Amino acid sequence: MKFSKYILALGLLFTILTSCNKNDGQQPHPDLSETIITAKFDGSLIGFTGEAVRSSNPDGISLKIKGLSVNGFRTASIGLDILAATIGTGTYATVTNAGQSQIGSVIRFSPNVVTEGSYDSYSSAHAEGNGNVTITAISDKAVEGTFKGTLRLVDAKGDATGKVITVTDGNFKVQIRK
């Protein structure tokens, strides 16, 4: 009799443990304990404090992930912009021709925001289009993922120059501001 009670208890415990799914078909939720963006720019690692903003527009859903890095008198900024019909887990290839709304992503980086009233700005929209932003987890409160690509220096007029930088090992885990 005791043996059958143990078997019954083990069977009940097994049923409870295997029927509970953490996500129950939903997308994975990022951990909110950190809100960071990191990446290597031509091999140099830079960390940013960031956030994301989600909005609707006539072309679809926009998710803008932005961050700042302050190191002494130097302030760098990063922007990851995604435009799609819906935003969820998946990879969004970088697009070229920044002047038009296109489905995809754009990576922007300014290594020194304030340099006597001007700053250098790099953009994947003016490069060869070989990068991407990948969302690995998203909820109403946070988004997490990776990014990489080639960025081209853009002058004050918005024209691309010949100088490029390579972005590798990009990661983000930020809260979505409403």
Foldseek 3Di string as FASTA:
>chain_A
DVVVVVVVVVVVVVVVVVVDDPQVPHFDADDAPAFKKWWAKQHRIFIWHWAWEWDADPQAIKIKIKTWGDDPQFIKMKIKIAGDNDDDFDKFFDEADVVDDDGGIKIKIWRGCDDPNHTKMWMQNHPPRGKIWGWRGDDQWKTKTAIWDKTFIADPVRHTDDDIITIPPIIGIHTYDD
